[in-house]
Amino acid sequence: MIVPELELELESGAMGSTLTTVEGLLEKVYEHLASTRPFTSGDSHATATSTFAKRLQVFLGKLDDVRKLRQSFTLILDDPLGHSNVEVFAFGCSPIR
């Protein structure tokens, strides 16, 4: 999964096998990062740079804008086996290309 506007790239299998919506994918990524906040809490907090924490906060803000449709975005699903299926169910949505 790639979202170029966020410079977000997840390797194949990073989220496991799942049946969900585009919204669900974005929500899952957001919730994971927001809840774990790697290197900004716990034992790692003392060595974490404030720059990293600020960059993570900015990224989460941008991801939140995308997942709440306040910003348009491109979703690229690299699926060499062809197991992915994306359908549009809402009226007024841009066509999938």
PDB file of N, CA and C in Angstrom:
ATOM      1  N   MET A   1       0.855  -1.167   0.000  1.00  0.00           N
ATOM      2  CA  MET A   1       0.000   0.000   0.000  1.00  0.00           C
ATOM      3  C   MET A   1       0.899   1.227   0.000  1.00  0.00           C
ATOM      4  N   ILE A   2       0.620   2.137  -0.912  1.00  0.00           N
ATOM      5  CA  ILE A   2       1.396   3.370  -1.018  1.00  0.00           C
ATOM      6  C   ILE A   2       0.425   4.547  -1.091  1.00  0.00           C
ATOM      7  N   VAL A   3       0.698   5.582  -0.317  1.00  0.00           N
ATOM      8  CA  VAL A   3      -0.015   6.851  -0.402  1.00  0.00           C
ATOM      9  C   VAL A   3       1.068   7.916  -0.630  1.00  0.00           C
ATOM     10  N   PRO A   4       1.330   8.265  -1.911  1.00  0.00           N
ATOM     11  CA  PRO A   4       2.434   9.175  -2.222  1.00  0.00           C
ATOM     12  C   PRO A   4       2.350  10.529  -1.527  1.00  0.00           C
ATOM     13  N   GLU A   5       1.156  11.055  -1.357  1.00  0.00           N
ATOM     14  CA  GLU A   5       0.990  12.371  -0.726  1.00  0.00           C
ATOM     15  C   GLU A   5       1.506  12.395   0.713  1.00  0.00           C
ATOM     16  N   LEU A   6       1.528  11.239   1.351  1.00  0.00           N
ATOM     17  CA  LEU A   6       2.004  11.131   2.730  1.00  0.00           C
ATOM     18  C   LEU A   6       3.409  10.541   2.810  1.00  0.00           C
ATOM     19  N   GLU A   7       3.932  10.126   1.654  1.00  0.00           N
ATOM     20  CA  GLU A   7       5.189   9.384   1.610  1.00  0.00           C
ATOM     21  C   GLU A   7       5.080   8.130   2.478  1.00  0.00           C
ATOM     22  N   LEU A   8       3.911   7.509   2.418  1.00  0.00           N
ATOM     23  CA  LEU A   8       3.618   6.306   3.193  1.00  0.00           C
ATOM     24  C   LEU A   8       3.742   5.090   2.292  1.00  0.00           C
ATOM     25  N   GLU A   9       4.565   4.141   2.708  1.00  0.00           N
ATOM     26  CA  GLU A   9       4.707   2.877   1.999  1.00  0.00           C
ATOM     27  C   GLU A   9       4.697   1.747   3.002  1.00  0.00           C
ATOM     28  N   LEU A  10       3.800   0.806   2.798  1.00  0.00           N
ATOM     29  CA  LEU A  10       3.762  -0.396   3.627  1.00  0.00           C
ATOM     30  C   LEU A  10       4.136  -1.573   2.747  1.00  0.00           C
ATOM     31  N   GLU A  11       5.061  -2.362   3.218  1.00  0.00           N
ATOM     32  CA  GLU A  11       5.498  -3.532   2.473  1.00  0.00           C
ATOM     33  C   GLU A  11       4.374  -4.565   2.391  1.00  0.00           C
ATOM     34  N   SER A  12       4.440  -5.372   1.382  1.00  0.00           N
ATOM     35  CA  SER A  12       3.459  -6.433   1.206  1.00  0.00           C
ATOM     36  C   SER A  12       3.416  -7.305   2.455  1.00  0.00           C
ATOM     37  N   GLY A  13       2.227  -7.540   2.970  1.00  0.00           N
ATOM     38  CA  GLY A  13       2.042  -8.373   4.151  1.00  0.00           C
ATOM     39  C   GLY A  13       2.202  -7.643   5.474  1.00  0.00           C
ATOM     40  N   ALA A  14       2.525  -6.348   5.443  1.00  0.00           N
ATOM     41  CA  ALA A  14       2.742  -5.600   6.687  1.00  0.00           C
ATOM     42  C   ALA A  14       1.493  -5.541   7.551  1.00  0.00           C
ATOM     43  N   MET A  15       0.331  -5.591   6.929  1.00  0.00           N
ATOM     44  CA  MET A  15      -0.912  -5.506   7.686  1.00  0.00           C
ATOM     45  C   MET A  15      -1.627  -6.847   7.741  1.00  0.00           C
ATOM     46  N   GLY A  16      -0.963  -7.876   7.256  1.00  0.00           N
ATOM     47  CA  GLY A  16      -1.576  -9.193   7.259  1.00  0.00           C
ATOM     48  C   GLY A  16      -2.696  -9.275   6.240  1.00  0.00           C
ATOM     49  N   SER A  17      -3.365 -10.372   6.226  1.00  0.00           N
ATOM     50  CA  SER A  17      -4.502 -10.557   5.334  1.00  0.00           C
ATOM     51  C   SER A  17      -5.733  -9.958   5.998  1.00  0.00           C
ATOM     52  N   THR A  18      -6.446  -9.128   5.258  1.00  0.00           N
ATOM     53  CA  THR A  18      -7.601  -8.478   5.863  1.00  0.00           C
ATOM     54  C   THR A  18      -8.660  -8.185   4.812  1.00  0.00           C
ATOM     55  N   LEU A  19      -9.891  -8.216   5.230  1.00  0.00           N
ATOM     56  CA  LEU A  19     -11.011  -7.818   4.393  1.00  0.00           C
ATOM     57  C   LEU A  19     -11.539  -6.531   4.997  1.00  0.00           C
ATOM     58  N   THR A  20     -11.378  -5.428   4.281  1.00  0.00           N
ATOM     59  CA  THR A  20     -11.750  -4.138   4.826  1.00  0.00           C
ATOM     60  C   THR A  20     -12.027  -3.157   3.695  1.00  0.00           C
ATOM     61  N   THR A  21     -12.254  -1.927   4.068  1.00  0.00           N
ATOM     62  CA  THR A  21     -12.459  -0.845   3.111  1.00  0.00           C
ATOM     63  C   THR A  21     -11.195   0.009   3.061  1.00  0.00           C
ATOM     64  N   VAL A  22     -11.141   0.947   2.122  1.00  0.00           N
ATOM     65  CA  VAL A  22     -10.028   1.888   2.074  1.00  0.00           C
ATOM     66  C   VAL A  22      -9.987   2.657   3.388  1.00  0.00           C
ATOM     67  N   GLU A  23     -11.142   3.074   3.847  1.00  0.00           N
ATOM     68  CA  GLU A  23     -11.233   3.772   5.137  1.00  0.00           C
ATOM     69  C   GLU A  23     -10.671   2.901   6.255  1.00  0.00           C
ATOM     70  N   GLY A  24     -11.001   1.622   6.224  1.00  0.00           N
ATOM     71  CA  GLY A  24     -10.516   0.696   7.240  1.00  0.00           C
ATOM     72  C   GLY A  24      -9.005   0.542   7.218  1.00  0.00           C
ATOM     73  N   LEU A  25      -8.418   0.499   6.021  1.00  0.00           N
ATOM     74  CA  LEU A  25      -6.961   0.416   5.908  1.00  0.00           C
ATOM     75  C   LEU A  25      -6.296   1.639   6.535  1.00  0.00           C
ATOM     76  N   LEU A  26      -6.781   2.816   6.169  1.00  0.00           N
ATOM     77  CA  LEU A  26      -6.203   4.055   6.698  1.00  0.00           C
ATOM     78  C   LEU A  26      -6.397   4.148   8.205  1.00  0.00           C
ATOM     79  N   GLU A  27      -7.555   3.721   8.664  1.00  0.00           N
ATOM     80  CA  GLU A  27      -7.848   3.740  10.106  1.00  0.00           C
ATOM     81  C   GLU A  27      -6.902   2.821  10.861  1.00  0.00           C
ATOM     82  N   LYS A  28      -6.658   1.646  10.297  1.00  0.00           N
ATOM     83  CA  LYS A  28      -5.780   0.676  10.946  1.00  0.00           C
ATOM     84  C   LYS A  28      -4.353   1.226  11.082  1.00  0.00           C
ATOM     85  N   VAL A  29      -3.854   1.858  10.034  1.00  0.00           N
ATOM     86  CA  VAL A  29      -2.513   2.455  10.073  1.00  0.00           C
ATOM     87  C   VAL A  29      -2.472   3.574  11.108  1.00  0.00           C
ATOM     88  N   TYR A  30      -3.478   4.444  11.080  1.00  0.00           N
ATOM     89  CA  TYR A  30      -3.520   5.572  12.014  1.00  0.00           C
ATOM     90  C   TYR A  30      -3.563   5.090  13.464  1.00  0.00           C
ATOM     91  N   GLU A  31      -4.465   4.177  13.748  1.00  0.00           N
ATOM     92  CA  GLU A  31      -4.626   3.688  15.122  1.00  0.00           C
ATOM     93  C   GLU A  31      -3.349   3.022  15.628  1.00  0.00           C
ATOM     94  N   HIS A  32      -2.697   2.258  14.762  1.00  0.00           N
ATOM     95  CA  HIS A  32      -1.458   1.593  15.175  1.00  0.00           C
ATOM     96  C   HIS A  32      -0.390   2.617  15.535  1.00  0.00           C
ATOM     97  N   LEU A  33      -0.181   3.598  14.665  1.00  0.00           N
ATOM     98  CA  LEU A  33       0.849   4.607  14.930  1.00  0.00           C
ATOM     99  C   LEU A  33       0.485   5.509  16.106  1.00  0.00           C
ATOM    100  N   ALA A  34      -0.781   5.870  16.207  1.00  0.00           N
ATOM    101  CA  ALA A  34      -1.209   6.759  17.294  1.00  0.00           C
ATOM    102  C   ALA A  34      -1.152   6.059  18.648  1.00  0.00           C
ATOM    103  N   SER A  35      -1.407   4.771  18.669  1.00  0.00           N
ATOM    104  CA  SER A  35      -1.426   4.064  19.956  1.00  0.00           C
ATOM    105  C   SER A  35      -0.043   3.610  20.388  1.00  0.00           C
ATOM    106  N   THR A  36       0.812   3.240  19.458  1.00  0.00           N
ATOM    107  CA  THR A  36       2.131   2.741  19.839  1.00  0.00           C
ATOM    108  C   THR A  36       3.171   3.843  19.894  1.00  0.00           C
ATOM    109  N   ARG A  37       3.056   4.839  19.044  1.00  0.00           N
ATOM    110  CA  ARG A  37       4.021   5.944  18.993  1.00  0.00           C
ATOM    111  C   ARG A  37       5.436   5.455  19.279  1.00  0.00           C
ATOM    112  N   PRO A  38       5.992   4.713  18.335  1.00  0.00           N
ATOM    113  CA  PRO A  38       7.308   4.129  18.572  1.00  0.00           C
ATOM    114  C   PRO A  38       8.365   5.172  18.914  1.00  0.00           C
ATOM    115  N   PHE A  39       9.169   4.873  19.901  1.00  0.00           N
ATOM    116  CA  PHE A  39      10.310   5.691  20.322  1.00  0.00           C
ATOM    117  C   PHE A  39       9.928   7.033  20.944  1.00  0.00           C
ATOM    118  N   THR A  40       8.648   7.240  21.256  1.00  0.00           N
ATOM    119  CA  THR A  40       8.271   8.515  21.890  1.00  0.00           C
ATOM    120  C   THR A  40       7.690   8.307  23.281  1.00  0.00           C
ATOM    121  N   SER A  41       7.716   7.063  23.768  1.00  0.00           N
ATOM    122  CA  SER A  41       7.224   6.812  25.119  1.00  0.00           C
ATOM    123  C   SER A  41       7.977   5.634  25.714  1.00  0.00           C
ATOM    124  N   GLY A  42       7.767   5.374  26.963  1.00  0.00           N
ATOM    125  CA  GLY A  42       8.402   4.244  27.630  1.00  0.00           C
ATOM    126  C   GLY A  42       9.901   4.429  27.769  1.00  0.00           C
ATOM    127  N   ASP A  43      10.640   3.309  27.775  1.00  0.00           N
ATOM    128  CA  ASP A  43      12.091   3.339  27.941  1.00  0.00           C
ATOM    129  C   ASP A  43      12.790   4.108  26.832  1.00  0.00           C
ATOM    130  N   SER A  44      12.219   4.102  25.645  1.00  0.00           N
ATOM    131  CA  SER A  44      12.849   4.765  24.505  1.00  0.00           C
ATOM    132  C   SER A  44      12.685   6.277  24.553  1.00  0.00           C
ATOM    133  N   HIS A  45      11.776   6.757  25.389  1.00  0.00           N
ATOM    134  CA  HIS A  45      11.473   8.187  25.409  1.00  0.00           C
ATOM    135  C   HIS A  45      12.692   9.036  25.766  1.00  0.00           C
ATOM    136  N   ALA A  46      13.507   8.561  26.669  1.00  0.00           N
ATOM    137  CA  ALA A  46      14.675   9.340  27.104  1.00  0.00           C
ATOM    138  C   ALA A  46      15.663   9.554  25.963  1.00  0.00           C
ATOM    139  N   THR A  47      15.710   8.602  25.034  1.00  0.00           N
ATOM    140  CA  THR A  47      16.666   8.732  23.931  1.00  0.00           C
ATOM    141  C   THR A  47      16.013   9.242  22.657  1.00  0.00           C
ATOM    142  N   ALA A  48      14.700   9.357  22.650  1.00  0.00           N
ATOM    143  CA  ALA A  48      14.005   9.838  21.445  1.00  0.00           C
ATOM    144  C   ALA A  48      14.277  11.317  21.244  1.00  0.00           C
ATOM    145  N   THR A  49      14.478  11.669  19.997  1.00  0.00           N
ATOM    146  CA  THR A  49      14.690  13.078  19.701  1.00  0.00           C
ATOM    147  C   THR A  49      13.349  13.764  19.599  1.00  0.00           C
ATOM    148  N   SER A  50      13.292  14.981  20.056  1.00  0.00           N
ATOM    149  CA  SER A  50      12.039  15.726  19.954  1.00  0.00           C
ATOM    150  C   SER A  50      11.688  15.957  18.487  1.00  0.00           C
ATOM    151  N   THR A  51      12.696  15.963  17.625  1.00  0.00           N
ATOM    152  CA  THR A  51      12.450  16.128  16.186  1.00  0.00           C
ATOM    153  C   THR A  51      11.617  14.966  15.660  1.00  0.00           C
ATOM    154  N   PHE A  52      11.966  13.745  16.061  1.00  0.00           N
ATOM    155  CA  PHE A  52      11.215  12.576  15.622  1.00  0.00           C
ATOM    156  C   PHE A  52       9.776  12.646  16.108  1.00  0.00           C
ATOM    157  N   ALA A  53       9.593  12.989  17.362  1.00  0.00           N
ATOM    158  CA  ALA A  53       8.247  13.075  17.932  1.00  0.00           C
ATOM    159  C   ALA A  53       7.416  14.120  17.192  1.00  0.00           C
ATOM    160  N   LYS A  54       8.030  15.245  16.868  1.00  0.00           N
ATOM    161  CA  LYS A  54       7.313  16.303  16.137  1.00  0.00           C
ATOM    162  C   LYS A  54       6.967  15.843  14.724  1.00  0.00           C
ATOM    163  N   ARG A  55       7.907  15.166  14.069  1.00  0.00           N
ATOM    164  CA  ARG A  55       7.644  14.669  12.707  1.00  0.00           C
ATOM    165  C   ARG A  55       6.524  13.634  12.706  1.00  0.00           C
ATOM    166  N   LEU A  56       6.505  12.779  13.724  1.00  0.00           N
ATOM    167  CA  LEU A  56       5.435  11.788  13.840  1.00  0.00           C
ATOM    168  C   LEU A  56       4.096  12.483  14.041  1.00  0.00           C
ATOM    169  N   GLN A  57       4.068  13.517  14.872  1.00  0.00           N
ATOM    170  CA  GLN A  57       2.834  14.265  15.119  1.00  0.00           C
ATOM    171  C   GLN A  57       2.329  14.913  13.835  1.00  0.00           C
ATOM    172  N   VAL A  58       3.232  15.500  13.052  1.00  0.00           N
ATOM    173  CA  VAL A  58       2.859  16.121  11.780  1.00  0.00           C
ATOM    174  C   VAL A  58       2.312  15.059  10.827  1.00  0.00           C
ATOM    175  N   PHE A  59       2.993  13.898  10.762  1.00  0.00           N
ATOM    176  CA  PHE A  59       2.540  12.816   9.892  1.00  0.00           C
ATOM    177  C   PHE A  59       1.148  12.338  10.294  1.00  0.00           C
ATOM    178  N   LEU A  60       0.928  12.148  11.595  1.00  0.00           N
ATOM    179  CA  LEU A  60      -0.384  11.704  12.060  1.00  0.00           C
ATOM    180  C   LEU A  60      -1.468  12.723  11.718  1.00  0.00           C
ATOM    181  N   GLY A  61      -1.132  14.008  11.768  1.00  0.00           N
ATOM    182  CA  GLY A  61      -2.095  15.042  11.374  1.00  0.00           C
ATOM    183  C   GLY A  61      -2.463  14.935   9.905  1.00  0.00           C
ATOM    184  N   LYS A  62      -1.458  14.701   9.060  1.00  0.00           N
ATOM    185  CA  LYS A  62      -1.716  14.549   7.619  1.00  0.00           C
ATOM    186  C   LYS A  62      -2.516  13.285   7.335  1.00  0.00           C
ATOM    187  N   LEU A  63      -2.163  12.202   8.026  1.00  0.00           N
ATOM    188  CA  LEU A  63      -2.897  10.946   7.857  1.00  0.00           C
ATOM    189  C   LEU A  63      -4.337  11.108   8.321  1.00  0.00           C
ATOM    190  N   ASP A  64      -4.544  11.839   9.388  1.00  0.00           N
ATOM    191  CA  ASP A  64      -5.896  12.105   9.878  1.00  0.00           C
ATOM    192  C   ASP A  64      -6.702  12.890   8.837  1.00  0.00           C
ATOM    193  N   ASP A  65      -6.075  13.871   8.198  1.00  0.00           N
ATOM    194  CA  ASP A  65      -6.754  14.627   7.139  1.00  0.00           C
ATOM    195  C   ASP A  65      -7.156  13.724   5.985  1.00  0.00           C
ATOM    196  N   VAL A  66      -6.288  12.800   5.619  1.00  0.00           N
ATOM    197  CA  VAL A  66      -6.584  11.878   4.522  1.00  0.00           C
ATOM    198  C   VAL A  66      -7.706  10.930   4.914  1.00  0.00           C
ATOM    199  N   ARG A  67      -7.609  10.345   6.086  1.00  0.00           N
ATOM    200  CA  ARG A  67      -8.623   9.349   6.478  1.00  0.00           C
ATOM    201  C   ARG A  67      -9.994   9.972   6.705  1.00  0.00           C
ATOM    202  N   LYS A  68     -10.036  11.275   7.014  1.00  0.00           N
ATOM    203  CA  LYS A  68     -11.314  11.966   7.184  1.00  0.00           C
ATOM    204  C   LYS A  68     -11.726  12.723   5.921  1.00  0.00           C
ATOM    205  N   LEU A  69     -11.016  12.439   4.824  1.00  0.00           N
ATOM    206  CA  LEU A  69     -11.310  12.991   3.495  1.00  0.00           C
ATOM    207  C   LEU A  69     -11.241  14.519   3.433  1.00  0.00           C
ATOM    208  N   ARG A  70     -10.398  15.106   4.269  1.00  0.00           N
ATOM    209  CA  ARG A  70     -10.172  16.551   4.202  1.00  0.00           C
ATOM    210  C   ARG A  70      -9.082  16.864   3.190  1.00  0.00           C
ATOM    211  N   GLN A  71      -8.397  15.842   2.707  1.00  0.00           N
ATOM    212  CA  GLN A  71      -7.363  15.982   1.694  1.00  0.00           C
ATOM    213  C   GLN A  71      -7.519  14.837   0.703  1.00  0.00           C
ATOM    214  N   SER A  72      -7.426  15.164  -0.579  1.00  0.00           N
ATOM    215  CA  SER A  72      -7.491  14.097  -1.576  1.00  0.00           C
ATOM    216  C   SER A  72      -6.167  13.329  -1.549  1.00  0.00           C
ATOM    217  N   PHE A  73      -6.210  12.088  -1.995  1.00  0.00           N
ATOM    218  CA  PHE A  73      -5.014  11.255  -1.957  1.00  0.00           C
ATOM    219  C   PHE A  73      -5.083  10.180  -3.027  1.00  0.00           C
ATOM    220  N   THR A  74      -3.940   9.606  -3.280  1.00  0.00           N
ATOM    221  CA  THR A  74      -3.806   8.506  -4.221  1.00  0.00           C
ATOM    222  C   THR A  74      -3.474   7.255  -3.425  1.00  0.00           C
ATOM    223  N   LEU A  75      -4.197   6.186  -3.681  1.00  0.00           N
ATOM    224  CA  LEU A  75      -3.927   4.911  -3.018  1.00  0.00           C
ATOM    225  C   LEU A  75      -3.436   3.939  -4.081  1.00  0.00           C
ATOM    226  N   ILE A  76      -2.250   3.418  -3.876  1.00  0.00           N
ATOM    227  CA  ILE A  76      -1.676   2.435  -4.800  1.00  0.00           C
ATOM    228  C   ILE A  76      -1.581   1.111  -4.060  1.00  0.00           C
ATOM    229  N   LEU A  77      -2.244   0.116  -4.600  1.00  0.00           N
ATOM    230  CA  LEU A  77      -2.162  -1.232  -4.042  1.00  0.00           C
ATOM    231  C   LEU A  77      -1.333  -2.077  -4.995  1.00  0.00           C
ATOM    232  N   ASP A  78      -0.178  -2.490  -4.554  1.00  0.00           N
ATOM    233  CA  ASP A  78       0.692  -3.348  -5.350  1.00  0.00           C
ATOM    234  C   ASP A  78       0.369  -4.783  -4.962  1.00  0.00           C
ATOM    235  N   ASP A  79      -0.362  -5.456  -5.839  1.00  0.00           N
ATOM    236  CA  ASP A  79      -0.856  -6.796  -5.537  1.00  0.00           C
ATOM    237  C   ASP A  79      -0.545  -7.723  -6.707  1.00  0.00           C
ATOM    238  N   PRO A  80       0.679  -8.255  -6.766  1.00  0.00           N
ATOM    239  CA  PRO A  80       1.066  -9.090  -7.905  1.00  0.00           C
ATOM    240  C   PRO A  80       0.214 -10.348  -8.071  1.00  0.00           C
ATOM    241  N   LEU A  81      -0.382 -10.831  -6.998  1.00  0.00           N
ATOM    242  CA  LEU A  81      -1.213 -12.030  -7.096  1.00  0.00           C
ATOM    243  C   LEU A  81      -2.665 -11.718  -7.434  1.00  0.00           C
ATOM    244  N   GLY A  82      -3.024 -10.442  -7.402  1.00  0.00           N
ATOM    245  CA  GLY A  82      -4.376 -10.037  -7.783  1.00  0.00           C
ATOM    246  C   GLY A  82      -5.455 -10.399  -6.788  1.00  0.00           C
ATOM    247  N   HIS A  83      -5.146 -10.396  -5.525  1.00  0.00           N
ATOM    248  CA  HIS A  83      -6.127 -10.756  -4.496  1.00  0.00           C
ATOM    249  C   HIS A  83      -6.926  -9.553  -3.998  1.00  0.00           C
ATOM    250  N   SER A  84      -6.511  -8.347  -4.382  1.00  0.00           N
ATOM    251  CA  SER A  84      -7.204  -7.142  -3.914  1.00  0.00           C
ATOM    252  C   SER A  84      -8.382  -6.826  -4.807  1.00  0.00           C
ATOM    253  N   ASN A  85      -9.401  -6.243  -4.205  1.00  0.00           N
ATOM    254  CA  ASN A  85     -10.573  -5.819  -4.946  1.00  0.00           C
ATOM    255  C   ASN A  85     -11.056  -4.513  -4.340  1.00  0.00           C
ATOM    256  N   VAL A  86     -11.182  -3.485  -5.164  1.00  0.00           N
ATOM    257  CA  VAL A  86     -11.650  -2.187  -4.679  1.00  0.00           C
ATOM    258  C   VAL A  86     -12.895  -1.827  -5.478  1.00  0.00           C
ATOM    259  N   GLU A  87     -13.967  -1.511  -4.766  1.00  0.00           N
ATOM    260  CA  GLU A  87     -15.217  -1.121  -5.407  1.00  0.00           C
ATOM    261  C   GLU A  87     -15.691   0.201  -4.825  1.00  0.00           C
ATOM    262  N   VAL A  88     -16.370   0.989  -5.635  1.00  0.00           N
ATOM    263  CA  VAL A  88     -16.936   2.255  -5.181  1.00  0.00           C
ATOM    264  C   VAL A  88     -18.399   2.022  -4.831  1.00  0.00           C
ATOM    265  N   PHE A  89     -18.766   2.348  -3.590  1.00  0.00           N
ATOM    266  CA  PHE A  89     -20.139   2.176  -3.151  1.00  0.00           C
ATOM    267  C   PHE A  89     -20.852   3.493  -2.915  1.00  0.00           C
ATOM    268  N   ALA A  90     -20.100   4.599  -2.790  1.00  0.00           N
ATOM    269  CA  ALA A  90     -20.692   5.908  -2.489  1.00  0.00           C
ATOM    270  C   ALA A  90     -20.915   6.707  -3.770  1.00  0.00           C
ATOM    271  N   PHE A  91     -22.017   7.419  -3.810  1.00  0.00           N
ATOM    272  CA  PHE A  91     -22.297   8.294  -4.949  1.00  0.00           C
ATOM    273  C   PHE A  91     -21.424   9.526  -4.874  1.00  0.00           C
ATOM    274  N   GLY A  92     -21.026  10.043  -6.019  1.00  0.00           N
ATOM    275  CA  GLY A  92     -20.242  11.269  -6.065  1.00  0.00           C
ATOM    276  C   GLY A  92     -18.756  11.055  -5.862  1.00  0.00           C
ATOM    277  N   CYS A  93     -18.318   9.811  -5.747  1.00  0.00           N
ATOM    278  CA  CYS A  93     -16.892   9.544  -5.583  1.00  0.00           C
ATOM    279  C   CYS A  93     -16.201   9.591  -6.939  1.00  0.00           C
ATOM    280  N   SER A  94     -14.946   9.967  -6.936  1.00  0.00           N
ATOM    281  CA  SER A  94     -14.162   9.930  -8.150  1.00  0.00           C
ATOM    282  C   SER A  94     -14.002   8.488  -8.593  1.00  0.00           C
ATOM    283  N   PRO A  95     -13.961   8.248  -9.904  1.00  0.00           N
ATOM    284  CA  PRO A  95     -13.795   6.872 -10.376  1.00  0.00           C
ATOM    285  C   PRO A  95     -12.420   6.333 -10.015  1.00  0.00           C
ATOM    286  N   ILE A  96     -12.344   5.053  -9.849  1.00  0.00           N
ATOM    287  CA  ILE A  96     -11.071   4.402  -9.574  1.00  0.00           C
ATOM    288  C   ILE A  96     -10.387   4.158 -10.907  1.00  0.00           C
ATOM    289  N   ARG A  97      -9.110   4.532 -10.976  1.00  0.00           N
ATOM    290  CA  ARG A  97      -8.367   4.276 -12.212  1.00  0.00           C
ATOM    291  C   ARG A  97      -7.157   3.452 -11.915  1.00  0.00           C
TER     292      ARG A  97
END
